[in-house]
PDB file of N, CA and C in Angstrom:
ATOM      1  N   MET A   1       5.590  -7.088  14.258  1.00  0.00           N
ATOM      2  CA  MET A   1       5.824  -7.775  13.085  1.00  0.00           C
ATOM      3  C   MET A   1       6.540  -6.767  12.051  1.00  0.00           C
ATOM      4  N   TYR A   2       7.524  -7.301  11.313  1.00  0.00           N
ATOM      5  CA  TYR A   2       8.071  -6.417  10.246  1.00  0.00           C
ATOM      6  C   TYR A   2       7.275  -6.229   9.137  1.00  0.00           C
ATOM      7  N   VAL A   3       7.150  -5.012   8.739  1.00  0.00           N
ATOM      8  CA  VAL A   3       6.154  -4.820   7.673  1.00  0.00           C
ATOM      9  C   VAL A   3       7.246  -4.389   6.463  1.00  0.00           C
ATOM     10  N   CYS A   4       8.186  -3.633   6.706  1.00  0.00           N
ATOM     11  CA  CYS A   4       9.152  -3.317   5.579  1.00  0.00           C
ATOM     12  C   CYS A   4      10.448  -3.732   6.046  1.00  0.00           C
ATOM     13  N   LEU A   5      11.001  -4.774   5.277  1.00  0.00           N
ATOM     14  CA  LEU A   5      12.158  -5.331   5.525  1.00  0.00           C
ATOM     15  C   LEU A   5      13.449  -4.474   5.024  1.00  0.00           C
ATOM     16  N   CYS A   6      13.196  -3.757   3.936  1.00  0.00           N
ATOM     17  CA  CYS A   6      14.364  -2.950   3.246  1.00  0.00           C
ATOM     18  C   CYS A   6      14.775  -1.934   4.267  1.00  0.00           C
ATOM     19  N   VAL A   7      13.825  -1.317   5.000  1.00  0.00           N
ATOM     20  CA  VAL A   7      14.254  -0.218   5.933  1.00  0.00           C
ATOM     21  C   VAL A   7      13.970  -0.718   7.419  1.00  0.00           C
ATOM     22  N   GLY A   8      13.326  -1.618   7.643  1.00  0.00           N
ATOM     23  CA  GLY A   8      13.289  -2.265   9.042  1.00  0.00           C
ATOM     24  C   GLY A   8      12.155  -1.544   9.959  1.00  0.00           C
ATOM     25  N   VAL A   9      10.943  -1.331   9.206  1.00  0.00           N
ATOM     26  CA  VAL A   9       9.824  -0.687   9.742  1.00  0.00           C
ATOM     27  C   VAL A   9       8.998  -1.869  10.221  1.00  0.00           C
ATOM     28  N   THR A  10       8.558  -1.651  11.500  1.00  0.00           N
ATOM     29  CA  THR A  10       7.528  -2.706  12.104  1.00  0.00           C
ATOM     30  C   THR A  10       6.164  -2.055  12.185  1.00  0.00           C
ATOM     31  N   ASP A  11       5.313  -2.970  12.489  1.00  0.00           N
ATOM     32  CA  ASP A  11       3.755  -2.528  12.665  1.00  0.00           C
ATOM     33  C   ASP A  11       3.769  -1.519  13.908  1.00  0.00           C
ATOM     34  N   ARG A  12       4.542  -1.632  14.830  1.00  0.00           N
ATOM     35  CA  ARG A  12       4.503  -0.670  15.951  1.00  0.00           C
ATOM     36  C   ARG A  12       5.045   0.793  15.610  1.00  0.00           C
ATOM     37  N   ASP A  13       5.984   0.638  14.621  1.00  0.00           N
ATOM     38  CA  ASP A  13       6.528   1.940  14.030  1.00  0.00           C
ATOM     39  C   ASP A  13       5.411   2.694  13.393  1.00  0.00           C
ATOM     40  N   ILE A  14       4.677   2.015  12.581  1.00  0.00           N
ATOM     41  CA  ILE A  14       3.474   2.628  11.859  1.00  0.00           C
ATOM     42  C   ILE A  14       2.533   3.078  12.907  1.00  0.00           C
ATOM     43  N   GLU A  15       1.984   2.175  13.823  1.00  0.00           N
ATOM     44  CA  GLU A  15       1.148   2.549  14.899  1.00  0.00           C
ATOM     45  C   GLU A  15       1.634   3.848  15.631  1.00  0.00           C
ATOM     46  N   SER A  16       2.991   3.904  15.957  1.00  0.00           N
ATOM     47  CA  SER A  16       3.538   5.078  16.589  1.00  0.00           C
ATOM     48  C   SER A  16       3.214   6.310  15.771  1.00  0.00           C
ATOM     49  N   ALA A  17       3.630   6.177  14.531  1.00  0.00           N
ATOM     50  CA  ALA A  17       3.456   7.359  13.619  1.00  0.00           C
ATOM     51  C   ALA A  17       1.995   7.690  13.595  1.00  0.00           C
ATOM     52  N   VAL A  18       0.929   6.911  13.579  1.00  0.00           N
ATOM     53  CA  VAL A  18      -0.523   7.343  13.615  1.00  0.00           C
ATOM     54  C   VAL A  18      -0.827   7.990  14.966  1.00  0.00           C
ATOM     55  N   SER A  19      -0.246   7.435  15.983  1.00  0.00           N
ATOM     56  CA  SER A  19      -0.551   8.016  17.414  1.00  0.00           C
ATOM     57  C   SER A  19       0.122   9.438  17.524  1.00  0.00           C
ATOM     58  N   ASP A  20       1.176   9.704  16.704  1.00  0.00           N
ATOM     59  CA  ASP A  20       1.892  10.975  16.705  1.00  0.00           C
ATOM     60  C   ASP A  20       1.090  11.893  15.639  1.00  0.00           C
ATOM     61  N   GLY A  21       0.112  11.407  15.120  1.00  0.00           N
ATOM     62  CA  GLY A  21      -0.748  12.438  14.073  1.00  0.00           C
ATOM     63  C   GLY A  21      -0.887  12.071  12.791  1.00  0.00           C
ATOM     64  N   ALA A  22       0.031  11.098  12.173  1.00  0.00           N
ATOM     65  CA  ALA A  22      -0.197  10.622  10.879  1.00  0.00           C
ATOM     66  C   ALA A  22      -1.551  10.230  10.447  1.00  0.00           C
ATOM     67  N   ARG A  23      -2.230  10.814   9.447  1.00  0.00           N
ATOM     68  CA  ARG A  23      -3.498  10.346   9.069  1.00  0.00           C
ATOM     69  C   ARG A  23      -3.750  10.002   7.499  1.00  0.00           C
ATOM     70  N   SER A  24      -2.434   9.900   6.910  1.00  0.00           N
ATOM     71  CA  SER A  24      -2.358   9.410   5.617  1.00  0.00           C
ATOM     72  C   SER A  24      -1.190   8.632   5.262  1.00  0.00           C
ATOM     73  N   TRP A  25      -1.254   7.831   4.176  1.00  0.00           N
ATOM     74  CA  TRP A  25      -0.183   7.014   3.718  1.00  0.00           C
ATOM     75  C   TRP A  25       1.035   7.811   3.620  1.00  0.00           C
ATOM     76  N   ARG A  26       0.847   8.998   2.926  1.00  0.00           N
ATOM     77  CA  ARG A  26       2.111   9.862   2.690  1.00  0.00           C
ATOM     78  C   ARG A  26       2.665  10.217   3.946  1.00  0.00           C
ATOM     79  N   ALA A  27       1.898  10.629   4.878  1.00  0.00           N
ATOM     80  CA  ALA A  27       2.480  10.890   6.365  1.00  0.00           C
ATOM     81  C   ALA A  27       3.194   9.823   7.118  1.00  0.00           C
ATOM     82  N   VAL A  28       2.621   8.616   6.830  1.00  0.00           N
ATOM     83  CA  VAL A  28       3.115   7.525   7.471  1.00  0.00           C
ATOM     84  C   VAL A  28       4.428   7.089   6.747  1.00  0.00           C
ATOM     85  N   ARG A  29       4.451   7.105   5.580  1.00  0.00           N
ATOM     86  CA  ARG A  29       5.700   6.838   4.812  1.00  0.00           C
ATOM     87  C   ARG A  29       6.820   7.956   5.145  1.00  0.00           C
ATOM     88  N   GLU A  30       6.548   9.253   5.248  1.00  0.00           N
ATOM     89  CA  GLU A  30       7.464  10.269   5.564  1.00  0.00           C
ATOM     90  C   GLU A  30       7.919   9.932   7.034  1.00  0.00           C
ATOM     91  N   ALA A  31       7.174   9.521   7.944  1.00  0.00           N
ATOM     92  CA  ALA A  31       7.615   9.588   9.388  1.00  0.00           C
ATOM     93  C   ALA A  31       8.354   8.150   9.533  1.00  0.00           C
ATOM     94  N   THR A  32       8.095   7.099   8.617  1.00  0.00           N
ATOM     95  CA  THR A  32       8.888   5.827   8.947  1.00  0.00           C
ATOM     96  C   THR A  32       9.793   5.243   7.932  1.00  0.00           C
ATOM     97  N   GLY A  33       9.662   5.861   6.645  1.00  0.00           N
ATOM     98  CA  GLY A  33      10.432   5.390   5.521  1.00  0.00           C
ATOM     99  C   GLY A  33       9.880   4.221   4.876  1.00  0.00           C
ATOM    100  N   CYS A  34       8.831   3.688   5.336  1.00  0.00           N
ATOM    101  CA  CYS A  34       8.194   2.432   4.933  1.00  0.00           C
ATOM    102  C   CYS A  34       7.589   2.622   3.386  1.00  0.00           C
ATOM    103  N   ALA A  35       8.031   1.595   2.676  1.00  0.00           N
ATOM    104  CA  ALA A  35       7.790   1.536   1.154  1.00  0.00           C
ATOM    105  C   ALA A  35       8.627   2.559   0.361  1.00  0.00           C
ATOM    106  N   GLY A  36       9.693   2.954   0.883  1.00  0.00           N
ATOM    107  CA  GLY A  36      10.340   4.071   0.212  1.00  0.00           C
ATOM    108  C   GLY A  36      11.462   3.332  -0.863  1.00  0.00           C
ATOM    109  N   GLN A  37      11.695   1.996  -0.789  1.00  0.00           N
ATOM    110  CA  GLN A  37      12.614   1.368  -1.737  1.00  0.00           C
ATOM    111  C   GLN A  37      11.934   0.441  -2.685  1.00  0.00           C
ATOM    112  N   CYS A  38      11.571  -0.733  -2.388  1.00  0.00           N
ATOM    113  CA  CYS A  38      10.982  -1.731  -3.400  1.00  0.00           C
ATOM    114  C   CYS A  38       9.356  -1.632  -3.398  1.00  0.00           C
ATOM    115  N   GLY A  39       8.912  -1.151  -2.260  1.00  0.00           N
ATOM    116  CA  GLY A  39       7.300  -0.774  -2.379  1.00  0.00           C
ATOM    117  C   GLY A  39       6.522  -2.081  -2.119  1.00  0.00           C
ATOM    118  N   LYS A  40       7.083  -3.225  -1.909  1.00  0.00           N
ATOM    119  CA  LYS A  40       6.250  -4.336  -1.947  1.00  0.00           C
ATOM    120  C   LYS A  40       5.475  -4.531  -0.556  1.00  0.00           C
ATOM    121  N   CYS A  41       5.916  -3.633   0.422  1.00  0.00           N
ATOM    122  CA  CYS A  41       5.214  -3.643   1.679  1.00  0.00           C
ATOM    123  C   CYS A  41       3.980  -2.661   1.754  1.00  0.00           C
ATOM    124  N   ALA A  42       3.816  -1.959   0.753  1.00  0.00           N
ATOM    125  CA  ALA A  42       2.829  -0.892   0.839  1.00  0.00           C
ATOM    126  C   ALA A  42       1.318  -1.342   1.083  1.00  0.00           C
ATOM    127  N   CYS A  43       0.920  -2.334   0.562  1.00  0.00           N
ATOM    128  CA  CYS A  43      -0.448  -2.865   0.974  1.00  0.00           C
ATOM    129  C   CYS A  43      -0.649  -3.249   2.351  1.00  0.00           C
ATOM    130  N   THR A  44       0.495  -3.898   2.815  1.00  0.00           N
ATOM    131  CA  THR A  44       0.439  -4.312   4.342  1.00  0.00           C
ATOM    132  C   THR A  44       0.543  -3.045   5.168  1.00  0.00           C
ATOM    133  N   GLY A  45       1.368  -2.176   4.800  1.00  0.00           N
ATOM    134  CA  GLY A  45       1.577  -1.004   5.665  1.00  0.00           C
ATOM    135  C   GLY A  45       0.299  -0.059   5.714  1.00  0.00           C
ATOM    136  N   LYS A  46      -0.416  -0.037   4.516  1.00  0.00           N
ATOM    137  CA  LYS A  46      -1.692   0.732   4.491  1.00  0.00           C
ATOM    138  C   LYS A  46      -2.782   0.073   5.423  1.00  0.00           C
ATOM    139  N   GLN A  47      -2.646  -1.293   5.474  1.00  0.00           N
ATOM    140  CA  GLN A  47      -3.712  -2.006   6.211  1.00  0.00           C
ATOM    141  C   GLN A  47      -3.403  -1.732   7.833  1.00  0.00           C
ATOM    142  N   VAL A  48      -2.269  -1.785   8.003  1.00  0.00           N
ATOM    143  CA  VAL A  48      -1.726  -1.426   9.402  1.00  0.00           C
ATOM    144  C   VAL A  48      -2.146  -0.102   9.830  1.00  0.00           C
ATOM    145  N   MET A  49      -1.762   0.889   8.968  1.00  0.00           N
ATOM    146  CA  MET A  49      -2.224   2.250   9.164  1.00  0.00           C
ATOM    147  C   MET A  49      -3.679   2.458   9.446  1.00  0.00           C
ATOM    148  N   ARG A  50      -4.569   1.778   8.485  1.00  0.00           N
ATOM    149  CA  ARG A  50      -5.949   1.826   8.593  1.00  0.00           C
ATOM    150  C   ARG A  50      -6.568   1.294   9.966  1.00  0.00           C
ATOM    151  N   GLU A  51      -5.939   0.208  10.316  1.00  0.00           N
ATOM    152  CA  GLU A  51      -6.420  -0.349  11.506  1.00  0.00           C
ATOM    153  C   GLU A  51      -6.026   0.514  12.819  1.00  0.00           C
ATOM    154  N   ALA A  52      -4.825   1.264  12.855  1.00  0.00           N
ATOM    155  CA  ALA A  52      -4.407   2.106  13.794  1.00  0.00           C
ATOM    156  C   ALA A  52      -5.320   3.284  13.840  1.00  0.00           C
ATOM    157  N   ILE A  53      -5.554   3.892  12.651  1.00  0.00           N
ATOM    158  CA  ILE A  53      -6.450   5.005  12.643  1.00  0.00           C
ATOM    159  C   ILE A  53      -7.662   4.700  13.317  1.00  0.00           C
ATOM    160  N   SER A  54      -8.296   3.565  12.859  1.00  0.00           N
ATOM    161  CA  SER A  54      -9.692   2.983  13.368  1.00  0.00           C
ATOM    162  C   SER A  54      -9.512   2.886  14.850  1.00  0.00           C
ATOM    163  N   ARG A  55      -8.588   2.405  15.364  1.00  0.00           N
ATOM    164  CA  ARG A  55      -8.347   2.296  16.937  1.00  0.00           C
ATOM    165  C   ARG A  55      -8.309   3.753  17.638  1.00  0.00           C
ATOM    166  N   GLU A  56      -7.509   4.700  16.865  1.00  0.00           N
ATOM    167  CA  GLU A  56      -7.312   5.977  17.506  1.00  0.00           C
ATOM    168  C   GLU A  56      -8.843   6.619  17.425  1.00  0.00           C
ATOM    169  N   PHE A  57      -9.735   6.512  16.473  1.00  0.00           N
ATOM    170  CA  PHE A  57     -11.085   7.009  16.476  1.00  0.00           C
ATOM    171  C   PHE A  57     -11.886   6.469  17.532  1.00  0.00           C
ATOM    172  N   GLU A  58     -11.858   5.084  17.637  1.00  0.00           N
ATOM    173  CA  GLU A  58     -12.602   4.576  18.803  1.00  0.00           C
ATOM    174  C   GLU A  58     -12.244   5.119  20.158  1.00  0.00           C
ATOM    175  N   MET A  59     -10.894   5.443  20.583  1.00  0.00           N
ATOM    176  CA  MET A  59     -10.459   5.811  21.708  1.00  0.00           C
ATOM    177  C   MET A  59     -10.807   7.282  21.960  1.00  0.00           C
ATOM    178  N   GLU A  60     -10.867   8.150  20.829  1.00  0.00           N
ATOM    179  CA  GLU A  60     -11.253   9.494  21.182  1.00  0.00           C
ATOM    180  C   GLU A  60     -12.669   9.791  21.554  1.00  0.00           C
ATOM    181  N   PRO A  61     -12.802  10.375  22.560  1.00  0.00           N
ATOM    182  CA  PRO A  61     -14.203  10.749  23.147  1.00  0.00           C
ATOM    183  C   PRO A  61     -15.112  11.635  22.040  1.00  0.00           C
ATOM    184  N   ASP A  62     -16.317  11.688  22.142  1.00  0.00           N
ATOM    185  CA  ASP A  62     -17.162  12.274  21.316  1.00  0.00           C
ATOM    186  C   ASP A  62     -17.148  13.682  22.066  1.00  0.00           C
ATOM    187  N   LEU A  63     -16.562  14.738  21.335  1.00  0.00           N
ATOM    188  CA  LEU A  63     -16.500  16.050  22.007  1.00  0.00           C
ATOM    189  C   LEU A  63     -17.755  17.006  21.910  1.00  0.00           C
ATOM    190  N   ALA A  64     -18.679  16.421  21.046  1.00  0.00           N
ATOM    191  CA  ALA A  64     -19.996  17.138  20.934  1.00  0.00           C
ATOM    192  C   ALA A  64     -20.845  17.122  22.197  1.00  0.00           C
ATOM    193  N   TYR A  65     -20.516  16.218  22.981  1.00  0.00           N
ATOM    194  CA  TYR A  65     -21.538  16.071  24.289  1.00  0.00           C
ATOM    195  C   TYR A  65     -20.501  16.005  25.614  1.00  0.00           C
ATOM    196  N   ALA A  66     -20.954  16.684  26.478  1.00  0.00           N
ATOM    197  CA  ALA A  66     -20.186  16.723  27.657  1.00  0.00           C
ATOM    198  C   ALA A  66     -20.580  15.297  28.573  1.00  0.00           C
ATOM    199  N   VAL A  67     -19.616  14.851  29.086  1.00  0.00           N
ATOM    200  CA  VAL A  67     -19.685  13.677  29.888  1.00  0.00           C
ATOM    201  C   VAL A  67     -19.874  14.092  31.273  1.00  0.00           C
TER     202      VAL A  67
END
């Protein structure tokens, strides 16, 4: 789904930025260019980022305990 029409950023672009290590909206904006022009996509972009970060934390194993 397109999140930012001005720059052509998709939800997958945001998810990719998160999987590459972006953990803040600023980092996602710098990596994708999302919300750099009109800014109307910021709310949707932040929500996509939060969901992607949540999925990343669900996938990371708990390193405090050996498996």
